[in-house]
Amino acid sequence: MSKIVVFVNGKARQIGPGTPLETLVASLQLAPRMVLVEWNGRALLRSEWADVSLQHGDRLEILRVVAGG
C-alpha cells in the first residue's frame, strides 16, 4: 500500500491515502475532547473530523486545550 505525506504541527508524517482525520487523531493518542484541529488553515468542529479524508500535502495544526484556574 502506498503512503502519502501530511504535515502535523509542521512535521511530515506518512499515512495511508484517504485516512480519516479522526483516525489520525486517535493514532496520536490524543483525547478528542481536549484538542482543536486546523486543517489547511480552516478550524474544524469535532463533528467534521469523520468527513475529512486526508490527502497528500494536507497541513494540520493540532492544539491541546489546557484548562486551569
PDB file of N, CA and C in Angstrom:
ATOM      1  N   MET A   1       0.846  -1.181   0.000  1.00  0.00           N
ATOM      2  CA  MET A   1       0.000   0.000   0.000  1.00  0.00           C
ATOM      3  C   MET A   1       0.890   1.243   0.000  1.00  0.00           C
ATOM      4  N   SER A   2       0.598   2.174  -0.868  1.00  0.00           N
ATOM      5  CA  SER A   2       1.391   3.400  -0.929  1.00  0.00           C
ATOM      6  C   SER A   2       1.022   4.322   0.226  1.00  0.00           C
ATOM      7  N   LYS A   3       1.915   5.213   0.534  1.00  0.00           N
ATOM      8  CA  LYS A   3       1.707   6.166   1.621  1.00  0.00           C
ATOM      9  C   LYS A   3       1.671   7.572   1.048  1.00  0.00           C
ATOM     10  N   ILE A   4       1.031   8.467   1.780  1.00  0.00           N
ATOM     11  CA  ILE A   4       1.048   9.881   1.441  1.00  0.00           C
ATOM     12  C   ILE A   4       1.702  10.620   2.601  1.00  0.00           C
ATOM     13  N   VAL A   5       2.084  11.859   2.356  1.00  0.00           N
ATOM     14  CA  VAL A   5       2.693  12.675   3.400  1.00  0.00           C
ATOM     15  C   VAL A   5       1.745  13.810   3.757  1.00  0.00           C
ATOM     16  N   VAL A   6       1.466  13.937   5.045  1.00  0.00           N
ATOM     17  CA  VAL A   6       0.743  15.093   5.577  1.00  0.00           C
ATOM     18  C   VAL A   6       1.657  15.738   6.611  1.00  0.00           C
ATOM     19  N   PHE A   7       1.384  16.976   6.929  1.00  0.00           N
ATOM     20  CA  PHE A   7       2.204  17.698   7.898  1.00  0.00           C
ATOM     21  C   PHE A   7       1.380  17.962   9.145  1.00  0.00           C
ATOM     22  N   VAL A   8       1.859  17.468  10.274  1.00  0.00           N
ATOM     23  CA  VAL A   8       1.178  17.634  11.555  1.00  0.00           C
ATOM     24  C   VAL A   8       2.066  18.516  12.424  1.00  0.00           C
ATOM     25  N   ASN A   9       1.565  19.697  12.725  1.00  0.00           N
ATOM     26  CA  ASN A   9       2.336  20.678  13.503  1.00  0.00           C
ATOM     27  C   ASN A   9       3.721  20.890  12.893  1.00  0.00           C
ATOM     28  N   GLY A  10       3.752  20.951  11.556  1.00  0.00           N
ATOM     29  CA  GLY A  10       4.986  21.240  10.839  1.00  0.00           C
ATOM     30  C   GLY A  10       5.882  20.052  10.559  1.00  0.00           C
ATOM     31  N   LYS A  11       5.540  18.874  11.067  1.00  0.00           N
ATOM     32  CA  LYS A  11       6.378  17.690  10.866  1.00  0.00           C
ATOM     33  C   LYS A  11       5.714  16.737   9.878  1.00  0.00           C
ATOM     34  N   ALA A  12       6.510  16.238   8.928  1.00  0.00           N
ATOM     35  CA  ALA A  12       5.993  15.299   7.932  1.00  0.00           C
ATOM     36  C   ALA A  12       5.642  13.976   8.603  1.00  0.00           C
ATOM     37  N   ARG A  13       4.513  13.417   8.169  1.00  0.00           N
ATOM     38  CA  ARG A  13       4.056  12.132   8.716  1.00  0.00           C
ATOM     39  C   ARG A  13       3.476  11.325   7.556  1.00  0.00           C
ATOM     40  N   GLN A  14       3.872  10.053   7.440  1.00  0.00           N
ATOM     41  CA  GLN A  14       3.346   9.188   6.389  1.00  0.00           C
ATOM     42  C   GLN A  14       2.126   8.443   6.903  1.00  0.00           C
ATOM     43  N   ILE A  15       1.072   8.459   6.093  1.00  0.00           N
ATOM     44  CA  ILE A  15      -0.172   7.761   6.433  1.00  0.00           C
ATOM     45  C   ILE A  15      -0.724   7.123   5.163  1.00  0.00           C
ATOM     46  N   GLY A  16      -1.732   6.297   5.326  1.00  0.00           N
ATOM     47  CA  GLY A  16      -2.402   5.717   4.172  1.00  0.00           C
ATOM     48  C   GLY A  16      -3.272   6.751   3.480  1.00  0.00           C
ATOM     49  N   PRO A  17      -3.396   6.671   2.146  1.00  0.00           N
ATOM     50  CA  PRO A  17      -4.230   7.624   1.427  1.00  0.00           C
ATOM     51  C   PRO A  17      -5.676   7.563   1.900  1.00  0.00           C
ATOM     52  N   GLY A  18      -6.289   8.727   2.061  1.00  0.00           N
ATOM     53  CA  GLY A  18      -7.691   8.787   2.457  1.00  0.00           C
ATOM     54  C   GLY A  18      -7.950   8.516   3.926  1.00  0.00           C
ATOM     55  N   THR A  19      -6.900   8.478   4.742  1.00  0.00           N
ATOM     56  CA  THR A  19      -7.085   8.254   6.180  1.00  0.00           C
ATOM     57  C   THR A  19      -8.010   9.327   6.741  1.00  0.00           C
ATOM     58  N   PRO A  20      -9.055   8.939   7.473  1.00  0.00           N
ATOM     59  CA  PRO A  20      -9.923   9.945   8.091  1.00  0.00           C
ATOM     60  C   PRO A  20      -9.166  10.721   9.171  1.00  0.00           C
ATOM     61  N   LEU A  21      -9.460  11.996   9.278  1.00  0.00           N
ATOM     62  CA  LEU A  21      -8.823  12.830  10.286  1.00  0.00           C
ATOM     63  C   LEU A  21      -9.006  12.250  11.678  1.00  0.00           C
ATOM     64  N   GLU A  22     -10.198  11.749  11.989  1.00  0.00           N
ATOM     65  CA  GLU A  22     -10.435  11.216  13.335  1.00  0.00           C
ATOM     66  C   GLU A  22      -9.538  10.009  13.622  1.00  0.00           C
ATOM     67  N   THR A  23      -9.195   9.235  12.595  1.00  0.00           N
ATOM     68  CA  THR A  23      -8.290   8.097  12.764  1.00  0.00           C
ATOM     69  C   THR A  23      -6.878   8.581  13.078  1.00  0.00           C
ATOM     70  N   LEU A  24      -6.445   9.632  12.394  1.00  0.00           N
ATOM     71  CA  LEU A  24      -5.119  10.185  12.669  1.00  0.00           C
ATOM     72  C   LEU A  24      -5.046  10.718  14.091  1.00  0.00           C
ATOM     73  N   VAL A  25      -6.057  11.457  14.524  1.00  0.00           N
ATOM     74  CA  VAL A  25      -6.064  11.996  15.891  1.00  0.00           C
ATOM     75  C   VAL A  25      -6.001  10.848  16.898  1.00  0.00           C
ATOM     76  N   ALA A  26      -6.767   9.791  16.667  1.00  0.00           N
ATOM     77  CA  ALA A  26      -6.756   8.636  17.575  1.00  0.00           C
ATOM     78  C   ALA A  26      -5.379   7.973  17.594  1.00  0.00           C
ATOM     79  N   SER A  27      -4.713   7.899  16.435  1.00  0.00           N
ATOM     80  CA  SER A  27      -3.393   7.264  16.376  1.00  0.00           C
ATOM     81  C   SER A  27      -2.340   8.060  17.147  1.00  0.00           C
ATOM     82  N   LEU A  28      -2.590   9.332  17.346  1.00  0.00           N
ATOM     83  CA  LEU A  28      -1.681  10.177  18.119  1.00  0.00           C
ATOM     84  C   LEU A  28      -1.969  10.088  19.614  1.00  0.00           C
ATOM     85  N   GLN A  29      -2.950   9.271  19.974  1.00  0.00           N
ATOM     86  CA  GLN A  29      -3.356   9.049  21.365  1.00  0.00           C
ATOM     87  C   GLN A  29      -3.732  10.355  22.059  1.00  0.00           C
ATOM     88  N   LEU A  30      -4.486  11.173  21.318  1.00  0.00           N
ATOM     89  CA  LEU A  30      -4.977  12.433  21.868  1.00  0.00           C
ATOM     90  C   LEU A  30      -6.460  12.290  22.168  1.00  0.00           C
ATOM     91  N   ALA A  31      -6.883  12.832  23.290  1.00  0.00           N
ATOM     92  CA  ALA A  31      -8.303  12.802  23.647  1.00  0.00           C
ATOM     93  C   ALA A  31      -9.036  13.815  22.768  1.00  0.00           C
ATOM     94  N   PRO A  32      -9.980  13.364  21.942  1.00  0.00           N
ATOM     95  CA  PRO A  32     -10.668  14.273  21.025  1.00  0.00           C
ATOM     96  C   PRO A  32     -11.286  15.498  21.703  1.00  0.00           C
ATOM     97  N   ARG A  33     -11.746  15.330  22.915  1.00  0.00           N
ATOM     98  CA  ARG A  33     -12.383  16.458  23.608  1.00  0.00           C
ATOM     99  C   ARG A  33     -11.373  17.502  24.071  1.00  0.00           C
ATOM    100  N   MET A  34     -10.085  17.158  23.991  1.00  0.00           N
ATOM    101  CA  MET A  34      -9.054  18.053  24.517  1.00  0.00           C
ATOM    102  C   MET A  34      -8.154  18.658  23.437  1.00  0.00           C
ATOM    103  N   VAL A  35      -8.570  18.556  22.166  1.00  0.00           N
ATOM    104  CA  VAL A  35      -7.754  19.142  21.096  1.00  0.00           C
ATOM    105  C   VAL A  35      -8.600  19.970  20.137  1.00  0.00           C
ATOM    106  N   LEU A  36      -7.949  20.928  19.525  1.00  0.00           N
ATOM    107  CA  LEU A  36      -8.521  21.709  18.429  1.00  0.00           C
ATOM    108  C   LEU A  36      -7.715  21.362  17.185  1.00  0.00           C
ATOM    109  N   VAL A  37      -8.391  21.240  16.047  1.00  0.00           N
ATOM    110  CA  VAL A  37      -7.699  20.876  14.813  1.00  0.00           C
ATOM    111  C   VAL A  37      -7.953  21.935  13.744  1.00  0.00           C
ATOM    112  N   GLU A  38      -6.851  22.371  13.142  1.00  0.00           N
ATOM    113  CA  GLU A  38      -6.917  23.251  11.980  1.00  0.00           C
ATOM    114  C   GLU A  38      -6.411  22.442  10.792  1.00  0.00           C
ATOM    115  N   TRP A  39      -7.204  22.391   9.738  1.00  0.00           N
ATOM    116  CA  TRP A  39      -6.897  21.589   8.552  1.00  0.00           C
ATOM    117  C   TRP A  39      -6.750  22.528   7.363  1.00  0.00           C
ATOM    118  N   ASN A  40      -5.562  22.620   6.824  1.00  0.00           N
ATOM    119  CA  ASN A  40      -5.281  23.510   5.688  1.00  0.00           C
ATOM    120  C   ASN A  40      -5.783  24.930   5.939  1.00  0.00           C
ATOM    121  N   GLY A  41      -5.569  25.407   7.166  1.00  0.00           N
ATOM    122  CA  GLY A  41      -5.929  26.777   7.519  1.00  0.00           C
ATOM    123  C   GLY A  41      -7.355  26.977   7.984  1.00  0.00           C
ATOM    124  N   ARG A  42      -8.125  25.908   8.062  1.00  0.00           N
ATOM    125  CA  ARG A  42      -9.533  26.007   8.467  1.00  0.00           C
ATOM    126  C   ARG A  42      -9.753  25.266   9.779  1.00  0.00           C
ATOM    127  N   ALA A  43     -10.251  25.986  10.789  1.00  0.00           N
ATOM    128  CA  ALA A  43     -10.571  25.345  12.067  1.00  0.00           C
ATOM    129  C   ALA A  43     -11.784  24.445  11.873  1.00  0.00           C
ATOM    130  N   LEU A  44     -11.701  23.232  12.420  1.00  0.00           N
ATOM    131  CA  LEU A  44     -12.779  22.254  12.251  1.00  0.00           C
ATOM    132  C   LEU A  44     -13.495  21.977  13.563  1.00  0.00           C
ATOM    133  N   LEU A  45     -14.785  21.763  13.449  1.00  0.00           N
ATOM    134  CA  LEU A  45     -15.556  21.243  14.575  1.00  0.00           C
ATOM    135  C   LEU A  45     -15.237  19.757  14.703  1.00  0.00           C
ATOM    136  N   ARG A  46     -15.288  19.242  15.908  1.00  0.00           N
ATOM    137  CA  ARG A  46     -15.037  17.809  16.112  1.00  0.00           C
ATOM    138  C   ARG A  46     -16.001  16.966  15.280  1.00  0.00           C
ATOM    139  N   SER A  47     -17.227  17.436  15.099  1.00  0.00           N
ATOM    140  CA  SER A  47     -18.221  16.688  14.325  1.00  0.00           C
ATOM    141  C   SER A  47     -17.847  16.587  12.843  1.00  0.00           C
ATOM    142  N   GLU A  48     -16.909  17.403  12.379  1.00  0.00           N
ATOM    143  CA  GLU A  48     -16.478  17.369  10.976  1.00  0.00           C
ATOM    144  C   GLU A  48     -15.325  16.395  10.724  1.00  0.00           C
ATOM    145  N   TRP A  49     -14.657  15.949  11.772  1.00  0.00           N
ATOM    146  CA  TRP A  49     -13.460  15.129  11.606  1.00  0.00           C
ATOM    147  C   TRP A  49     -13.700  13.875  10.773  1.00  0.00           C
ATOM    148  N   ALA A  50     -14.822  13.203  10.980  1.00  0.00           N
ATOM    149  CA  ALA A  50     -15.097  11.948  10.266  1.00  0.00           C
ATOM    150  C   ALA A  50     -15.287  12.179   8.770  1.00  0.00           C
ATOM    151  N   ASP A  51     -15.644  13.402   8.388  1.00  0.00           N
ATOM    152  CA  ASP A  51     -15.898  13.716   6.982  1.00  0.00           C
ATOM    153  C   ASP A  51     -14.648  14.135   6.220  1.00  0.00           C
ATOM    154  N   VAL A  52     -13.529  14.284   6.925  1.00  0.00           N
ATOM    155  CA  VAL A  52     -12.286  14.743   6.292  1.00  0.00           C
ATOM    156  C   VAL A  52     -11.387  13.543   6.007  1.00  0.00           C
ATOM    157  N   SER A  53     -11.176  13.269   4.723  1.00  0.00           N
ATOM    158  CA  SER A  53     -10.226  12.235   4.290  1.00  0.00           C
ATOM    159  C   SER A  53      -8.941  12.951   3.909  1.00  0.00           C
ATOM    160  N   LEU A  54      -7.869  12.628   4.597  1.00  0.00           N
ATOM    161  CA  LEU A  54      -6.614  13.342   4.392  1.00  0.00           C
ATOM    162  C   LEU A  54      -5.978  12.992   3.052  1.00  0.00           C
ATOM    163  N   GLN A  55      -5.397  14.006   2.429  1.00  0.00           N
ATOM    164  CA  GLN A  55      -4.766  13.872   1.122  1.00  0.00           C
ATOM    165  C   GLN A  55      -3.310  14.322   1.209  1.00  0.00           C
ATOM    166  N   HIS A  56      -2.510  13.885   0.242  1.00  0.00           N
ATOM    167  CA  HIS A  56      -1.089  14.232   0.201  1.00  0.00           C
ATOM    168  C   HIS A  56      -0.914  15.752   0.288  1.00  0.00           C
ATOM    169  N   GLY A  57      -0.039  16.179   1.200  1.00  0.00           N
ATOM    170  CA  GLY A  57       0.278  17.596   1.341  1.00  0.00           C
ATOM    171  C   GLY A  57      -0.608  18.365   2.301  1.00  0.00           C
ATOM    172  N   ASP A  58      -1.655  17.720   2.836  1.00  0.00           N
ATOM    173  CA  ASP A  58      -2.512  18.420   3.802  1.00  0.00           C
ATOM    174  C   ASP A  58      -1.677  18.889   4.983  1.00  0.00           C
ATOM    175  N   ARG A  59      -2.078  20.029   5.534  1.00  0.00           N
ATOM    176  CA  ARG A  59      -1.381  20.594   6.693  1.00  0.00           C
ATOM    177  C   ARG A  59      -2.349  20.691   7.861  1.00  0.00           C
ATOM    178  N   LEU A  60      -1.922  20.111   8.975  1.00  0.00           N
ATOM    179  CA  LEU A  60      -2.744  20.096  10.184  1.00  0.00           C
ATOM    180  C   LEU A  60      -1.999  20.767  11.322  1.00  0.00           C
ATOM    181  N   GLU A  61      -2.724  21.541  12.078  1.00  0.00           N
ATOM    182  CA  GLU A  61      -2.218  22.051  13.350  1.00  0.00           C
ATOM    183  C   GLU A  61      -3.142  21.463  14.404  1.00  0.00           C
ATOM    184  N   ILE A  62      -2.579  20.733  15.336  1.00  0.00           N
ATOM    185  CA  ILE A  62      -3.360  20.108  16.400  1.00  0.00           C
ATOM    186  C   ILE A  62      -2.900  20.712  17.715  1.00  0.00           C
ATOM    187  N   LEU A  63      -3.829  21.369  18.382  1.00  0.00           N
ATOM    188  CA  LEU A  63      -3.524  22.070  19.622  1.00  0.00           C
ATOM    189  C   LEU A  63      -4.229  21.407  20.783  1.00  0.00           C
ATOM    190  N   ARG A  64      -3.496  21.164  21.846  1.00  0.00           N
ATOM    191  CA  ARG A  64      -4.102  20.610  23.064  1.00  0.00           C
ATOM    192  C   ARG A  64      -4.703  21.747  23.874  1.00  0.00           C
ATOM    193  N   VAL A  65      -5.914  21.523  24.340  1.00  0.00           N
ATOM    194  CA  VAL A  65      -6.599  22.504  25.174  1.00  0.00           C
ATOM    195  C   VAL A  65      -6.268  22.189  26.625  1.00  0.00           C
ATOM    196  N   VAL A  66      -5.802  23.188  27.335  1.00  0.00           N
ATOM    197  CA  VAL A  66      -5.455  23.017  28.740  1.00  0.00           C
ATOM    198  C   VAL A  66      -6.300  23.983  29.549  1.00  0.00           C
ATOM    199  N   ALA A  67      -7.003  23.440  30.526  1.00  0.00           N
ATOM    200  CA  ALA A  67      -7.824  24.281  31.402  1.00  0.00           C
ATOM    201  C   ALA A  67      -7.116  24.422  32.742  1.00  0.00           C
ATOM    202  N   GLY A  68      -7.289  25.529  33.315  1.00  0.00           N
ATOM    203  CA  GLY A  68      -6.655  25.743  34.611  1.00  0.00           C
ATOM    204  C   GLY A  68      -7.368  26.840  35.373  1.00  0.00           C
ATOM    205  N   GLY A  69      -6.903  27.066  36.545  1.00  0.00           N
ATOM    206  CA  GLY A  69      -7.553  28.079  37.346  1.00  0.00           C
ATOM    207  C   GLY A  69      -6.581  29.073  37.879  1.00  0.00           C
TER     208      GLY A  69
END
